[in-house]
Each structure stands twice: as structure tokens, then as C-alpha cells.
């Protein structure tokens, strides 16, 4: 689940569903946030949180660098990984009635609008990272842990917080390795609001999802499918960082030569480029491979659930 939350397109909730512990996880989160503390739910949450946190800590820097420097390859994979979750959500909604499709349409419009609103100069790079927006990003990550088919990494991406948060996690790891207090403080100023958002989001969303799935199952799953399909709107792969030149205006200021030397690729604006035929073919192949990965994981979970549901003799 930790790896899934790092990768835009894969849902942490899907991973929990795939290994067969999703219902117990939802119930454990809901019980714990209502202060109904029991040993087995607490043990489940501890194991999932510890292993997921370790994956995030160790792999955040690698994925951040890949997204910054290999944008079109990674986004092509993210498109496939995202769409691969659609059959899972559609299958969960079976049998579906008339309430499913309006929910799907609403979810698609909402996610597509969010992606388009974030498609300005900072799209795919970094937006402002104030405490409030970081807390919102943390709540989005909590949503992805709970909602199958919804990718926390993607939501961080469209909110412009993906690179800043992964960079902060990487600085935290470096600070722990070198016992650098400055790096730890710098990482903490970014990660503390994120953790607050995760705590609040998990509390609100776990209880809301449990209630919504009981009362409005078809509409809720329709919204999830719409969010999933709308996510690809913001994942146009053929973008590349453009380094500023001396004299360029950057938020109203002239970029000096000294600033250019100190600037990093993650701070550059991203511009679309015209792909070659081989890049288009490669992007398509990578997307198909990503789709098959997520689809295969979801099928594994379905097969496991079916095996457990068979009567034993």
C-alpha cells in the first residue's frame, strides 16, 4: 500500500482489497477513530502503517527523481495504472442500477475539472506548498488508503504537491542517516501538516465511506469510477522541464545567473513537446503494461476473495 500511494494511478485501497483485508481495514480505522480500541484492529493498523511507511520512506526519492527527469515515461505508466483500476470498481458495483451512472458522470466531471484547473504553468511541477494545501494533500492520501480505485499519488500530482512531499520524505531519510538536524526540521515543516491532514482525512473519510457504501452503494461506487476515469485528463505524458534562461521572468522577477546555477529541475516549468512516432508507440505500450499490472492485481484479489467464499467440506 505504501508503494501504491507513491505511484500516481495505483490505489492503496485497491492493494488492500487485492490481499483480502479491505473490509477489516475499513472497520479497524472507523473503530479506532471512534476510540473503540481493541487489540486485533490496532494490530492490523500497526502492521499496515509500519510496512507502508517504510516503503514510502525508502522509495520516495527514487520515484520523485523519475517523475522529474523521465516525465513522459512515468506519466504513460501512470495512465495505464490508473485505467487498470476501472474494471475493479465496475465489478464491485455489480449488479448496478440507474444510480451508478449519474454518480460516475459527476465523479468524472469533478476530477477532470480539478486536473484542468491545475494545468497552468505549475502543472506537474510544484504549486505553492502552504500548510493548508499540504494538509489537503494529506487528506487526499488518506482517501486513497480507504477508497479502492482512487490514487493518492495522482491527487498529490494534480494538487502540485507530489514533488514537494516526496522531496521532504527523501530529506527526512537523509537527515536520519546523517543525523542532520537542519534537514529534519526542513522535512518536518512540510510533513507535519501532511500528517495532520492524513489523521483528519482518515477519521472523516473512513466513517463517511462506511456509511455511504451502506446507504448509497451504487452512487458511491459510480463516483469512484468517475474519479478514476477523470484522472487521466491531467496525465498528458509528453511534457519536459524547461530550464529558465537569464532574464526570464519567474513570478514577476528576473532570473539572475546565480539563481540559474542554484535552481533544480523540479522547480522548472513543464512544457508540452511534439512526440516522435517511436515515443507515441512506446507510451502506448507502457500504458498497456501499466493497465495489465493493476488489472492483474485486482483479479488476484477477486480470485482470493472467491476462494475464501467457497464452502468448505
Protein backbone atom coordinates (compact mmCIF):
# COMPACT_ATOMS: atom_id res chain seq x y z
CA UNK A 1 0.00 0.00 0.00
CA UNK A 2 2.89 2.35 0.70
CA UNK A 3 4.30 1.82 -2.77
CA UNK A 4 0.83 2.22 -4.28
CA UNK A 5 0.34 5.58 -2.55
CA UNK A 6 3.64 6.80 -4.02
CA UNK A 7 2.71 5.89 -7.59
CA UNK A 8 0.05 8.05 -9.26
CA UNK A 9 -2.51 5.71 -10.77
CA UNK A 10 -2.42 2.89 -8.21
CA UNK A 11 -4.83 3.00 -5.31
CA UNK A 12 -3.69 1.98 -1.84
CA UNK A 13 -7.25 0.83 -1.22
CA UNK A 14 -7.01 -1.43 -4.27
CA UNK A 15 -3.92 -3.10 -2.81
CA UNK A 16 -5.74 -3.74 0.48
CA UNK A 17 -8.66 -5.15 -1.47
CA UNK A 18 -6.33 -7.34 -3.53
CA UNK A 19 -4.80 -9.02 -0.48
CA UNK A 20 -8.20 -9.54 1.12
CA UNK A 21 -8.04 -7.26 4.18
CA UNK A 22 -10.00 -4.23 2.91
CA UNK A 23 -13.23 -4.75 4.94
CA UNK A 24 -11.26 -5.39 8.13
CA UNK A 25 -9.07 -2.34 7.46
CA UNK A 26 -12.07 -0.01 6.99
CA UNK A 27 -13.68 -1.35 10.15
CA UNK A 28 -10.42 -1.02 12.09
CA UNK A 29 -9.90 2.60 11.02
CA UNK A 30 -13.51 3.51 11.79
CA UNK A 31 -13.40 1.83 15.21
CA UNK A 32 -10.06 3.37 16.18
CA UNK A 33 -11.09 6.90 15.16
CA UNK A 34 -14.18 6.49 17.37
CA UNK A 35 -11.82 5.44 20.21
CA UNK A 36 -13.18 1.89 20.32
CA UNK A 37 -9.75 0.39 20.94
CA UNK A 38 -9.43 -3.38 20.51
CA UNK A 39 -6.25 -5.42 20.12
CA UNK A 40 -6.84 -7.08 16.73
CA UNK A 41 -7.87 -3.90 14.83
CA UNK A 42 -4.97 -1.99 16.42
CA UNK A 43 -2.53 -4.74 15.45
CA UNK A 44 -3.82 -4.71 11.86
CA UNK A 45 -3.45 -0.93 11.59
CA UNK A 46 0.03 -1.03 13.14
CA UNK A 47 1.33 -3.64 10.69
CA UNK A 48 -0.17 -1.90 7.63
CA UNK A 49 1.01 1.57 8.72
CA UNK A 50 4.54 0.43 9.62
CA UNK A 51 5.18 -1.51 6.40
CA UNK A 52 3.52 1.16 4.24
CA UNK A 53 5.51 3.91 5.94
CA UNK A 54 8.77 2.03 5.40
CA UNK A 55 8.05 1.66 1.68
CA UNK A 56 7.31 5.38 1.39
CA UNK A 57 10.46 6.34 3.28
CA UNK A 58 12.76 4.16 1.18
CA UNK A 59 11.27 4.73 -2.29
CA UNK A 60 10.04 8.35 -2.27
CA UNK A 61 13.34 9.80 -3.54
CA UNK A 62 13.62 7.33 -6.42
CA UNK A 63 10.10 7.95 -7.68
CA UNK A 64 10.44 11.73 -7.28
CA UNK A 65 13.56 11.74 -9.49
CA UNK A 66 11.87 9.56 -12.11
CA UNK A 67 8.83 11.84 -12.28
CA UNK A 68 11.02 14.94 -12.63
CA UNK A 69 13.54 13.59 -15.16
CA UNK A 70 11.57 10.88 -17.03
CA UNK A 71 8.19 12.57 -17.12
CA UNK A 72 6.73 11.15 -20.32
CA UNK A 73 7.69 7.57 -19.47
CA UNK A 74 6.32 7.75 -15.93
CA UNK A 75 3.10 9.50 -16.97
CA UNK A 76 2.50 6.88 -19.65
CA UNK A 77 2.78 4.20 -16.97
CA UNK A 78 0.53 6.21 -14.64
CA UNK A 79 -2.21 6.39 -17.31
CA UNK A 80 -2.24 2.62 -17.69
CA UNK A 81 -2.05 2.01 -13.95
CA UNK A 82 -4.97 4.39 -13.42
CA UNK A 83 -7.24 2.85 -16.06
CA UNK A 84 -6.38 -0.64 -14.81
CA UNK A 85 -8.41 0.05 -11.66
CA UNK A 86 -11.62 0.76 -13.60
CA UNK A 87 -12.67 -2.90 -14.10
CA UNK A 88 -12.26 -3.48 -10.35
CA UNK A 89 -14.59 -0.62 -9.38
CA UNK A 90 -17.10 -1.61 -12.07
CA UNK A 91 -17.05 -5.17 -10.80
CA UNK A 92 -17.64 -4.03 -7.23
CA UNK A 93 -20.78 -2.21 -8.36
CA UNK A 94 -22.41 -5.30 -9.87
CA UNK A 95 -25.35 -5.51 -10.10
CA UNK A 96 -25.69 -1.78 -10.73
CA UNK A 97 -28.83 0.23 -11.32
CA UNK A 98 -29.69 3.71 -12.55
CA UNK A 99 -27.91 5.47 -9.67
CA UNK A 100 -24.49 4.21 -10.75
CA UNK A 101 -24.02 6.18 -13.96
CA UNK A 102 -25.02 9.67 -12.70
CA UNK A 103 -22.52 9.17 -9.89
CA UNK A 104 -19.87 8.15 -12.42
CA UNK A 105 -20.58 11.22 -14.56
CA UNK A 106 -20.35 13.52 -11.54
CA UNK A 107 -17.08 11.99 -10.40
CA UNK A 108 -15.59 12.26 -13.90
CA UNK A 109 -16.53 15.93 -14.28
CA UNK A 110 -15.17 16.78 -10.82
CA UNK A 111 -11.81 15.07 -11.38
CA UNK A 112 -11.41 16.36 -14.94
CA UNK A 113 -12.15 19.90 -13.77
CA UNK A 114 -9.58 19.56 -10.97
CA UNK A 115 -6.99 18.33 -13.47
CA UNK A 116 -7.69 21.19 -15.91
CA UNK A 117 -7.56 23.80 -13.15
CA UNK A 118 -4.10 22.52 -12.25
CA UNK A 119 -2.87 22.59 -15.87
CA UNK A 120 -1.30 26.04 -15.64
CA UNK A 121 2.45 26.84 -15.52
CA UNK A 122 2.98 24.78 -12.36
CA UNK A 123 1.13 21.73 -13.61
CA UNK A 124 3.02 18.59 -12.91
CA UNK A 125 5.74 20.53 -11.18
CA UNK A 126 5.15 22.29 -7.90
CA UNK A 127 2.43 24.63 -6.77
CA UNK A 128 2.53 26.71 -3.62
CA UNK A 129 3.03 24.43 -0.63
CA UNK A 130 1.48 26.27 2.30
CA UNK A 131 0.36 24.36 5.40
CA UNK A 132 -3.29 24.32 4.34
CA UNK A 133 -2.62 22.88 0.90
CA UNK A 134 -0.22 20.33 2.40
CA UNK A 135 -2.93 19.29 4.87
CA UNK A 136 -5.40 18.92 1.98
CA UNK A 137 -2.82 16.75 0.21
CA UNK A 138 -2.53 14.60 3.34
CA UNK A 139 -6.30 14.16 3.45
CA UNK A 140 -6.19 13.12 -0.23
CA UNK A 141 -3.60 10.48 0.67
CA UNK A 142 -5.87 9.23 3.44
CA UNK A 143 -8.74 8.99 0.95
CA UNK A 144 -6.63 6.80 -1.32
CA UNK A 145 -5.86 4.43 1.54
CA UNK A 146 -9.58 3.96 2.04
CA UNK A 147 -11.21 4.24 -1.38
CA UNK A 148 -10.45 1.46 -3.91
CA UNK A 149 -9.70 2.92 -7.32
CA UNK A 150 -8.69 6.37 -6.06
CA UNK A 151 -4.97 7.16 -6.32
CA UNK A 152 -3.44 9.34 -3.63
CA UNK A 153 -0.31 9.85 -5.71
CA UNK A 154 -2.41 11.21 -8.56
CA UNK A 155 -4.29 13.60 -6.29
CA UNK A 156 -0.96 14.89 -4.95
CA UNK A 157 0.16 15.32 -8.55
CA UNK A 158 -2.80 17.46 -9.62
CA UNK A 159 -2.62 19.47 -6.39
CA UNK A 160 1.01 20.28 -7.22
CA UNK A 161 2.26 18.67 -4.00
CA UNK A 162 3.71 15.41 -5.33
CA UNK A 163 7.30 16.54 -5.79
CA UNK A 164 7.46 18.71 -2.62
CA UNK A 165 6.13 15.92 -0.39
CA UNK A 166 8.33 13.19 -1.88
CA UNK A 167 11.28 15.56 -1.67
CA UNK A 168 10.54 16.16 2.02
CA UNK A 169 10.36 12.42 2.67
CA UNK A 170 13.71 11.98 0.94
CA UNK A 171 15.23 14.78 3.05
CA UNK A 172 13.85 13.10 6.17
CA UNK A 173 15.61 9.88 5.21
CA UNK A 174 18.87 11.74 4.56
CA UNK A 175 18.54 13.57 7.88
CA UNK A 176 18.04 10.30 9.74
CA UNK A 177 21.06 8.76 8.01
CA UNK A 178 23.39 11.68 8.73
CA UNK A 179 21.75 12.94 11.94
CA UNK A 180 21.39 16.35 10.26
CA UNK A 181 19.06 18.41 12.43
CA UNK A 182 18.58 21.08 9.77
CA UNK A 183 17.36 18.55 7.22
CA UNK A 184 15.00 17.01 9.77
CA UNK A 185 13.48 20.40 10.62
CA UNK A 186 13.14 21.29 6.92
CA UNK A 187 11.39 17.99 6.20
CA UNK A 188 9.20 18.38 9.28
CA UNK A 189 7.81 21.76 8.17
CA UNK A 190 6.42 20.03 5.07
CA UNK A 191 5.44 16.66 6.53
CA UNK A 192 3.77 17.79 9.77
CA UNK A 193 0.79 19.45 8.00
CA UNK A 194 0.58 16.38 5.75
CA UNK A 195 0.34 14.08 8.79
CA UNK A 196 -2.36 16.29 10.31
CA UNK A 197 -4.30 16.05 7.05
CA UNK A 198 -3.91 12.27 6.99
CA UNK A 199 -5.24 11.96 10.55
CA UNK A 200 -8.23 14.20 9.89
CA UNK A 201 -8.91 12.68 6.47
CA UNK A 202 -8.75 9.11 7.72
CA UNK A 203 -11.15 9.90 10.56
CA UNK A 204 -13.71 11.64 8.37
CA UNK A 205 -13.41 9.52 5.25
CA UNK A 206 -13.39 6.07 6.86
CA UNK A 207 -16.65 6.75 8.67
CA UNK A 208 -18.17 8.54 5.66
CA UNK A 209 -17.27 5.70 3.28
CA UNK A 210 -18.65 3.06 5.57
CA UNK A 211 -21.92 4.99 5.83
CA UNK A 212 -22.09 5.83 2.09
CA UNK A 213 -21.43 2.26 1.00
CA UNK A 214 -24.21 1.04 3.27
CA UNK A 215 -26.77 3.69 2.25
CA UNK A 216 -25.81 4.68 -1.31
CA UNK A 217 -23.60 1.86 -2.57
CA UNK A 218 -24.34 2.27 -6.30
CA UNK A 219 -23.88 6.05 -6.36
CA UNK A 220 -20.71 5.88 -4.24
CA UNK A 221 -19.07 3.29 -6.47
CA UNK A 222 -20.18 5.26 -9.54
CA UNK A 223 -18.42 8.35 -8.19
CA UNK A 224 -15.28 6.28 -7.60
CA UNK A 225 -15.30 5.05 -11.20
CA UNK A 226 -15.80 8.60 -12.48
CA UNK A 227 -12.88 9.87 -10.39
CA UNK A 228 -10.73 7.11 -11.79
CA UNK A 229 -11.55 7.82 -15.44
CA UNK A 230 -11.33 11.59 -14.99
CA UNK A 231 -7.84 11.20 -13.52
CA UNK A 232 -6.24 10.54 -16.91
CA UNK A 233 -7.24 14.03 -18.12
CA UNK A 234 -4.36 15.51 -16.15
CA UNK A 235 -1.78 12.93 -17.18
CA UNK A 236 -0.73 14.11 -20.66
CA UNK A 237 2.66 12.38 -20.86
CA UNK A 238 4.59 14.42 -23.41
CA UNK A 239 5.95 17.15 -21.15
CA UNK A 240 9.54 18.08 -20.36
CA UNK A 241 11.19 20.52 -17.93
CA UNK A 242 12.30 23.78 -19.50
CA UNK A 243 15.22 25.46 -17.75
CA UNK A 244 14.82 29.24 -17.43
CA UNK A 245 17.31 31.47 -19.20
CA UNK A 246 18.94 34.57 -17.77
CA UNK A 247 16.46 37.42 -17.98
CA UNK A 248 13.37 35.19 -17.97
CA UNK A 249 10.55 36.35 -15.73
CA UNK A 250 9.80 33.98 -12.88
CA UNK A 251 6.71 35.03 -10.83
CA UNK A 252 7.42 38.68 -11.62
CA UNK A 253 11.18 38.62 -11.06
CA UNK A 254 14.14 38.49 -13.43
CA UNK A 255 16.08 35.26 -13.12
CA UNK A 256 19.72 36.02 -12.38
CA UNK A 257 22.65 33.86 -13.46
CA UNK A 258 23.38 32.90 -9.84
CA UNK A 259 19.80 31.69 -9.39
CA UNK A 260 20.06 29.58 -12.53
CA UNK A 261 23.06 27.72 -11.14
CA UNK A 262 21.22 27.01 -7.87
CA UNK A 263 17.90 26.03 -9.47
CA UNK A 264 16.81 22.40 -9.72
CA UNK A 265 14.82 20.60 -12.38
CA UNK A 266 11.85 20.11 -10.06
CA UNK A 267 11.42 23.91 -9.99
CA UNK A 268 11.37 24.30 -13.77
CA UNK A 269 8.14 24.82 -15.63
CA UNK A 270 7.00 21.90 -17.79
CA UNK A 271 6.14 22.45 -21.44
CA UNK A 272 4.48 20.08 -23.89
CA UNK A 273 6.52 18.81 -26.80
CA UNK A 274 5.68 17.06 -30.05
CA UNK A 275 6.50 13.36 -29.62
CA UNK A 276 8.13 11.23 -32.25
CA UNK A 277 6.35 8.19 -33.65
CA UNK A 278 8.53 5.91 -31.55
CA UNK A 279 7.69 7.87 -28.40
CA UNK A 280 3.97 7.58 -29.13
CA UNK A 281 4.30 3.84 -29.71
CA UNK A 282 6.40 3.44 -26.56
CA UNK A 283 3.95 5.48 -24.49
CA UNK A 284 1.08 3.29 -25.70
CA UNK A 285 2.99 0.11 -24.87
CA UNK A 286 3.94 1.38 -21.41
CA UNK A 287 0.32 2.37 -20.74
CA UNK A 288 -0.91 -1.09 -21.74
CA UNK A 289 1.69 -2.69 -19.46
CA UNK A 290 0.58 -0.46 -16.58
CA UNK A 291 -3.06 -1.35 -17.21
CA UNK A 292 -2.25 -5.06 -17.12
CA UNK A 293 -0.34 -4.71 -13.82
CA UNK A 294 -3.22 -3.05 -11.96
CA UNK A 295 -5.80 -5.31 -13.61
CA UNK A 296 -3.81 -8.42 -12.68
CA UNK A 297 -3.54 -7.32 -9.04
CA UNK A 298 -7.29 -6.67 -8.89
CA UNK A 299 -8.00 -10.08 -10.44
CA UNK A 300 -5.72 -11.69 -7.88
CA UNK A 301 -7.76 -10.12 -5.10
CA UNK A 302 -11.03 -11.24 -6.72
CA UNK A 303 -9.79 -14.81 -7.07
CA UNK A 304 -8.64 -14.84 -3.45
CA UNK A 305 -11.98 -13.50 -2.23
CA UNK A 306 -13.85 -16.09 -4.29
CA UNK A 307 -11.71 -18.89 -2.87
CA UNK A 308 -12.44 -17.78 0.70
CA UNK A 309 -16.18 -17.55 -0.06
CA UNK A 310 -16.44 -21.18 -1.23
CA UNK A 311 -17.97 -23.51 1.35
CA UNK A 312 -15.53 -25.87 2.98
CA UNK A 313 -16.28 -29.57 3.36
